[in-house]
Amino acid sequence: MKQPSDLATLMPERDAEGYLIEPGDWNEEVAKVLAQGENVQLEDDHWDVIRFMRDYYDEHQIAVDARFVIKHLAKRMGKDAHKKLFELFPYGYVQQACKIAGMRRPRAWSTG
C-alpha cells in the first residue's frame, strides 16, 4: 500500500493555492492527500459532501455552490446542515471542501 507521502509525489498538477488545475485528474487517493494538507480527517460525512460535489461537477462541469451542498446535507441533518458543513470544513467551503473535492478555486460566489 502506498503511503500518503508517496502519493504526494504522484499528485496531479495544482495551482499556487493547491487547487487542482484539471478537476478530471481527481480521485479518492488525491482527496486523501489534499485533506491531509488541510488537516482534515475524512470521515463518512466528509465523503458524502465530496461525492455529492463530484457528482454535481460530473453532470454540470462546474463546482457546486455551497447552498446546494447545504440543501443536500439538510435531507439528512435538517436545519443544522449549514452548521455541519462548516464543522466538516472549518476553514471554509471554498478553502477546504472545494480543494479536497478536486475543484478549481471558485472565484466569486455564495458560500452559503
N, C-alpha and C. Protein backbone atom coordinates (compact mmCIF):
# COMPACT_ATOMS: atom_id res chain seq x y z
N MET A 1 0.83 -1.18 0.00
CA MET A 1 0.00 0.00 0.00
C MET A 1 0.88 1.24 0.00
N LYS A 2 0.51 2.23 -0.80
CA LYS A 2 1.28 3.46 -0.88
C LYS A 2 0.99 4.32 0.34
N GLN A 3 2.01 4.95 0.84
CA GLN A 3 1.87 5.87 1.96
C GLN A 3 1.47 7.25 1.43
N PRO A 4 0.78 8.09 2.24
CA PRO A 4 0.40 9.43 1.78
C PRO A 4 1.56 10.24 1.25
N SER A 5 2.76 10.11 1.84
CA SER A 5 3.90 10.88 1.34
C SER A 5 4.28 10.42 -0.05
N ASP A 6 4.14 9.11 -0.35
CA ASP A 6 4.39 8.61 -1.70
C ASP A 6 3.38 9.18 -2.67
N LEU A 7 2.13 9.26 -2.23
CA LEU A 7 1.07 9.77 -3.09
C LEU A 7 1.28 11.25 -3.41
N ALA A 8 1.82 11.99 -2.46
CA ALA A 8 2.03 13.42 -2.68
C ALA A 8 2.93 13.67 -3.88
N THR A 9 3.86 12.77 -4.13
CA THR A 9 4.75 12.95 -5.27
C THR A 9 4.05 12.60 -6.58
N LEU A 10 2.94 11.89 -6.51
CA LEU A 10 2.19 11.50 -7.70
C LEU A 10 0.96 12.37 -7.93
N MET A 11 0.88 13.47 -7.21
CA MET A 11 -0.29 14.34 -7.28
C MET A 11 -0.40 14.99 -8.66
N PRO A 12 -1.65 15.19 -9.11
CA PRO A 12 -1.87 15.95 -10.34
C PRO A 12 -1.39 17.39 -10.15
N GLU A 13 -1.23 18.08 -11.26
CA GLU A 13 -0.78 19.47 -11.22
C GLU A 13 -1.77 20.34 -10.46
N ARG A 14 -1.23 21.23 -9.60
CA ARG A 14 -2.05 22.14 -8.81
C ARG A 14 -1.60 23.58 -9.04
N ASP A 15 -2.51 24.51 -8.75
CA ASP A 15 -2.16 25.92 -8.87
C ASP A 15 -1.39 26.37 -7.63
N ALA A 16 -1.06 27.64 -7.57
CA ALA A 16 -0.26 28.17 -6.46
C ALA A 16 -0.95 28.03 -5.11
N GLU A 17 -2.28 27.92 -5.11
CA GLU A 17 -3.03 27.78 -3.86
C GLU A 17 -3.32 26.33 -3.51
N GLY A 18 -2.91 25.40 -4.35
CA GLY A 18 -3.08 23.98 -4.06
C GLY A 18 -4.31 23.34 -4.66
N TYR A 19 -5.08 24.08 -5.47
CA TYR A 19 -6.26 23.52 -6.14
C TYR A 19 -5.81 22.79 -7.41
N LEU A 20 -6.52 21.72 -7.75
CA LEU A 20 -6.19 21.01 -8.98
C LEU A 20 -6.40 21.91 -10.18
N ILE A 21 -5.50 21.80 -11.14
CA ILE A 21 -5.63 22.54 -12.40
C ILE A 21 -6.76 21.92 -13.22
N GLU A 22 -6.81 20.59 -13.23
CA GLU A 22 -7.80 19.87 -14.01
C GLU A 22 -8.61 18.97 -13.08
N PRO A 23 -9.88 19.34 -12.78
CA PRO A 23 -10.69 18.53 -11.87
C PRO A 23 -10.85 17.07 -12.30
N GLY A 24 -10.71 16.79 -13.59
CA GLY A 24 -10.81 15.42 -14.06
C GLY A 24 -9.68 14.52 -13.59
N ASP A 25 -8.61 15.11 -13.06
CA ASP A 25 -7.48 14.33 -12.55
C ASP A 25 -7.71 13.84 -11.12
N TRP A 26 -8.85 14.21 -10.52
CA TRP A 26 -9.16 13.87 -9.14
C TRP A 26 -9.52 12.40 -8.99
N ASN A 27 -9.16 11.83 -7.86
CA ASN A 27 -9.67 10.53 -7.43
C ASN A 27 -9.63 10.53 -5.90
N GLU A 28 -10.11 9.48 -5.29
CA GLU A 28 -10.20 9.46 -3.83
C GLU A 28 -8.83 9.46 -3.15
N GLU A 29 -7.84 8.89 -3.79
CA GLU A 29 -6.48 8.94 -3.22
C GLU A 29 -5.96 10.37 -3.22
N VAL A 30 -6.23 11.11 -4.28
CA VAL A 30 -5.86 12.52 -4.35
C VAL A 30 -6.57 13.28 -3.23
N ALA A 31 -7.86 12.99 -3.03
CA ALA A 31 -8.63 13.66 -1.97
C ALA A 31 -7.98 13.43 -0.60
N LYS A 32 -7.52 12.23 -0.36
CA LYS A 32 -6.89 11.92 0.93
C LYS A 32 -5.64 12.77 1.15
N VAL A 33 -4.84 12.93 0.11
CA VAL A 33 -3.62 13.75 0.22
C VAL A 33 -3.99 15.22 0.42
N LEU A 34 -4.96 15.70 -0.35
CA LEU A 34 -5.39 17.09 -0.21
C LEU A 34 -5.97 17.35 1.18
N ALA A 35 -6.74 16.39 1.69
CA ALA A 35 -7.32 16.53 3.03
C ALA A 35 -6.22 16.57 4.09
N GLN A 36 -5.24 15.73 3.92
CA GLN A 36 -4.12 15.72 4.87
C GLN A 36 -3.45 17.09 4.89
N GLY A 37 -3.29 17.70 3.73
CA GLY A 37 -2.70 19.03 3.65
C GLY A 37 -3.54 20.11 4.30
N GLU A 38 -4.84 19.86 4.43
CA GLU A 38 -5.76 20.80 5.08
C GLU A 38 -6.05 20.41 6.52
N ASN A 39 -5.38 19.38 7.01
CA ASN A 39 -5.60 18.86 8.37
C ASN A 39 -7.05 18.44 8.60
N VAL A 40 -7.63 17.81 7.59
CA VAL A 40 -8.99 17.29 7.67
C VAL A 40 -8.91 15.77 7.64
N GLN A 41 -9.46 15.14 8.68
CA GLN A 41 -9.54 13.69 8.74
C GLN A 41 -10.86 13.28 8.10
N LEU A 42 -10.79 12.70 6.91
CA LEU A 42 -12.01 12.37 6.16
C LEU A 42 -12.79 11.25 6.82
N GLU A 43 -14.06 11.55 7.10
CA GLU A 43 -14.99 10.58 7.68
C GLU A 43 -16.20 10.48 6.75
N ASP A 44 -17.17 9.66 7.10
CA ASP A 44 -18.32 9.41 6.22
C ASP A 44 -19.03 10.68 5.78
N ASP A 45 -19.25 11.63 6.69
CA ASP A 45 -19.94 12.86 6.31
C ASP A 45 -19.12 13.69 5.33
N HIS A 46 -17.81 13.70 5.48
CA HIS A 46 -16.95 14.39 4.52
C HIS A 46 -17.12 13.77 3.13
N TRP A 47 -17.04 12.44 3.11
CA TRP A 47 -17.15 11.74 1.82
C TRP A 47 -18.52 11.96 1.18
N ASP A 48 -19.57 12.04 1.99
CA ASP A 48 -20.90 12.32 1.46
C ASP A 48 -20.89 13.66 0.72
N VAL A 49 -20.32 14.68 1.35
CA VAL A 49 -20.25 16.00 0.73
C VAL A 49 -19.38 15.95 -0.53
N ILE A 50 -18.22 15.34 -0.42
CA ILE A 50 -17.28 15.29 -1.54
C ILE A 50 -17.90 14.54 -2.72
N ARG A 51 -18.54 13.44 -2.47
CA ARG A 51 -19.15 12.67 -3.57
C ARG A 51 -20.31 13.44 -4.20
N PHE A 52 -21.09 14.15 -3.38
CA PHE A 52 -22.14 15.00 -3.93
C PHE A 52 -21.53 16.06 -4.83
N MET A 53 -20.46 16.69 -4.39
CA MET A 53 -19.78 17.71 -5.18
C MET A 53 -19.25 17.14 -6.49
N ARG A 54 -18.66 15.97 -6.42
CA ARG A 54 -18.11 15.34 -7.63
C ARG A 54 -19.23 14.96 -8.61
N ASP A 55 -20.32 14.42 -8.09
CA ASP A 55 -21.46 14.08 -8.96
C ASP A 55 -22.01 15.32 -9.64
N TYR A 56 -22.13 16.40 -8.91
CA TYR A 56 -22.61 17.66 -9.47
C TYR A 56 -21.65 18.15 -10.55
N TYR A 57 -20.36 18.08 -10.26
CA TYR A 57 -19.36 18.50 -11.24
C TYR A 57 -19.45 17.64 -12.50
N ASP A 58 -19.57 16.33 -12.33
CA ASP A 58 -19.66 15.43 -13.49
C ASP A 58 -20.86 15.78 -14.37
N GLU A 59 -21.95 16.17 -13.75
CA GLU A 59 -23.17 16.49 -14.50
C GLU A 59 -23.14 17.88 -15.12
N HIS A 60 -22.58 18.87 -14.41
CA HIS A 60 -22.68 20.27 -14.84
C HIS A 60 -21.36 20.91 -15.28
N GLN A 61 -20.25 20.24 -15.00
CA GLN A 61 -18.91 20.73 -15.33
C GLN A 61 -18.55 22.05 -14.63
N ILE A 62 -19.16 22.30 -13.47
CA ILE A 62 -18.82 23.43 -12.62
C ILE A 62 -18.89 22.96 -11.17
N ALA A 63 -18.20 23.69 -10.31
CA ALA A 63 -18.27 23.39 -8.87
C ALA A 63 -19.64 23.79 -8.35
N VAL A 64 -20.18 22.97 -7.49
CA VAL A 64 -21.49 23.24 -6.90
C VAL A 64 -21.37 24.34 -5.85
N ASP A 65 -22.33 25.24 -5.87
CA ASP A 65 -22.39 26.31 -4.88
C ASP A 65 -22.71 25.70 -3.51
N ALA A 66 -22.17 26.30 -2.46
CA ALA A 66 -22.35 25.78 -1.10
C ALA A 66 -23.82 25.62 -0.73
N ARG A 67 -24.68 26.51 -1.21
CA ARG A 67 -26.09 26.42 -0.82
C ARG A 67 -26.72 25.10 -1.28
N PHE A 68 -26.25 24.54 -2.41
CA PHE A 68 -26.77 23.25 -2.88
C PHE A 68 -26.22 22.11 -2.02
N VAL A 69 -24.99 22.25 -1.56
CA VAL A 69 -24.42 21.25 -0.66
C VAL A 69 -25.19 21.26 0.66
N ILE A 70 -25.51 22.45 1.13
CA ILE A 70 -26.28 22.57 2.38
C ILE A 70 -27.66 21.94 2.21
N LYS A 71 -28.32 22.15 1.07
CA LYS A 71 -29.62 21.51 0.81
C LYS A 71 -29.47 19.99 0.80
N HIS A 72 -28.38 19.51 0.22
CA HIS A 72 -28.11 18.07 0.20
C HIS A 72 -27.96 17.54 1.64
N LEU A 73 -27.17 18.23 2.44
CA LEU A 73 -26.98 17.81 3.84
C LEU A 73 -28.28 17.90 4.64
N ALA A 74 -29.10 18.90 4.34
CA ALA A 74 -30.35 19.10 5.09
C ALA A 74 -31.29 17.91 4.96
N LYS A 75 -31.20 17.18 3.86
CA LYS A 75 -32.05 15.99 3.69
C LYS A 75 -31.77 14.97 4.78
N ARG A 76 -30.53 14.94 5.29
CA ARG A 76 -30.15 14.00 6.34
C ARG A 76 -30.11 14.64 7.72
N MET A 77 -29.77 15.92 7.77
CA MET A 77 -29.46 16.55 9.05
C MET A 77 -30.42 17.64 9.47
N GLY A 78 -31.34 17.99 8.60
CA GLY A 78 -32.28 19.03 8.95
C GLY A 78 -31.68 20.41 8.96
N LYS A 79 -32.21 21.26 9.81
CA LYS A 79 -31.84 22.68 9.79
C LYS A 79 -30.40 22.95 10.21
N ASP A 80 -29.71 22.02 10.78
CA ASP A 80 -28.33 22.23 11.20
C ASP A 80 -27.32 21.95 10.09
N ALA A 81 -27.78 21.79 8.87
CA ALA A 81 -26.89 21.44 7.76
C ALA A 81 -25.83 22.50 7.50
N HIS A 82 -26.20 23.76 7.58
CA HIS A 82 -25.24 24.85 7.35
C HIS A 82 -24.11 24.76 8.38
N LYS A 83 -24.50 24.60 9.63
CA LYS A 83 -23.52 24.47 10.71
C LYS A 83 -22.63 23.24 10.49
N LYS A 84 -23.23 22.14 10.07
CA LYS A 84 -22.49 20.89 9.87
C LYS A 84 -21.45 21.05 8.76
N LEU A 85 -21.81 21.74 7.68
CA LEU A 85 -20.85 21.92 6.58
C LEU A 85 -19.60 22.63 7.09
N PHE A 86 -19.79 23.62 7.93
CA PHE A 86 -18.65 24.37 8.43
C PHE A 86 -17.95 23.68 9.61
N GLU A 87 -18.59 22.69 10.21
CA GLU A 87 -17.90 21.83 11.16
C GLU A 87 -16.99 20.85 10.41
N LEU A 88 -17.50 20.34 9.30
CA LEU A 88 -16.71 19.40 8.49
C LEU A 88 -15.50 20.08 7.87
N PHE A 89 -15.70 21.31 7.42
CA PHE A 89 -14.65 22.05 6.73
C PHE A 89 -14.49 23.41 7.43
N PRO A 90 -13.82 23.42 8.58
CA PRO A 90 -13.80 24.61 9.43
C PRO A 90 -13.13 25.85 8.83
N TYR A 91 -12.28 25.67 7.85
CA TYR A 91 -11.66 26.84 7.22
C TYR A 91 -12.41 27.28 5.98
N GLY A 92 -13.61 26.73 5.81
CA GLY A 92 -14.48 27.20 4.76
C GLY A 92 -14.70 26.24 3.61
N TYR A 93 -15.85 26.42 3.00
CA TYR A 93 -16.26 25.57 1.88
C TYR A 93 -15.28 25.67 0.72
N VAL A 94 -14.93 26.89 0.33
CA VAL A 94 -14.03 27.06 -0.81
C VAL A 94 -12.62 26.59 -0.45
N GLN A 95 -12.13 27.01 0.69
CA GLN A 95 -10.75 26.69 1.09
C GLN A 95 -10.53 25.19 1.25
N GLN A 96 -11.48 24.48 1.82
CA GLN A 96 -11.25 23.07 2.10
C GLN A 96 -12.11 22.13 1.27
N ALA A 97 -13.41 22.28 1.27
CA ALA A 97 -14.26 21.31 0.57
C ALA A 97 -13.98 21.32 -0.93
N CYS A 98 -13.93 22.49 -1.52
CA CYS A 98 -13.67 22.56 -2.97
C CYS A 98 -12.30 22.01 -3.31
N LYS A 99 -11.33 22.34 -2.50
CA LYS A 99 -9.96 21.85 -2.76
C LYS A 99 -9.90 20.34 -2.66
N ILE A 100 -10.42 19.78 -1.58
CA ILE A 100 -10.36 18.34 -1.36
C ILE A 100 -11.16 17.58 -2.41
N ALA A 101 -12.26 18.17 -2.88
CA ALA A 101 -13.09 17.53 -3.91
C ALA A 101 -12.51 17.69 -5.31
N GLY A 102 -11.38 18.38 -5.41
CA GLY A 102 -10.70 18.48 -6.69
C GLY A 102 -11.21 19.55 -7.62
N MET A 103 -11.92 20.53 -7.09
CA MET A 103 -12.44 21.62 -7.91
C MET A 103 -11.34 22.66 -8.16
N ARG A 104 -11.49 23.40 -9.25
CA ARG A 104 -10.66 24.60 -9.40
C ARG A 104 -11.16 25.59 -8.36
N ARG A 105 -10.33 26.56 -8.00
CA ARG A 105 -10.74 27.53 -6.99
C ARG A 105 -11.85 28.40 -7.55
N PRO A 106 -13.03 28.34 -6.91
CA PRO A 106 -14.11 29.24 -7.32
C PRO A 106 -13.70 30.68 -7.04
N ARG A 107 -14.08 31.60 -7.90
CA ARG A 107 -13.63 32.99 -7.75
C ARG A 107 -14.58 33.84 -6.93
N ALA A 108 -15.78 34.03 -7.34
CA ALA A 108 -16.70 34.89 -6.59
C ALA A 108 -18.09 34.29 -6.64
N TRP A 109 -18.57 33.85 -5.50
CA TRP A 109 -19.89 33.23 -5.45
C TRP A 109 -20.32 33.09 -4.00
N SER A 110 -21.52 32.65 -3.81
CA SER A 110 -22.07 32.47 -2.47
C SER A 110 -21.37 31.30 -1.79
N THR A 111 -21.10 31.47 -0.51
CA THR A 111 -20.56 30.36 0.28
C THR A 111 -21.63 29.80 1.21
N GLY A 112 -22.86 30.15 0.97
CA GLY A 112 -23.96 29.61 1.75
C GLY A 112 -24.39 30.58 2.78
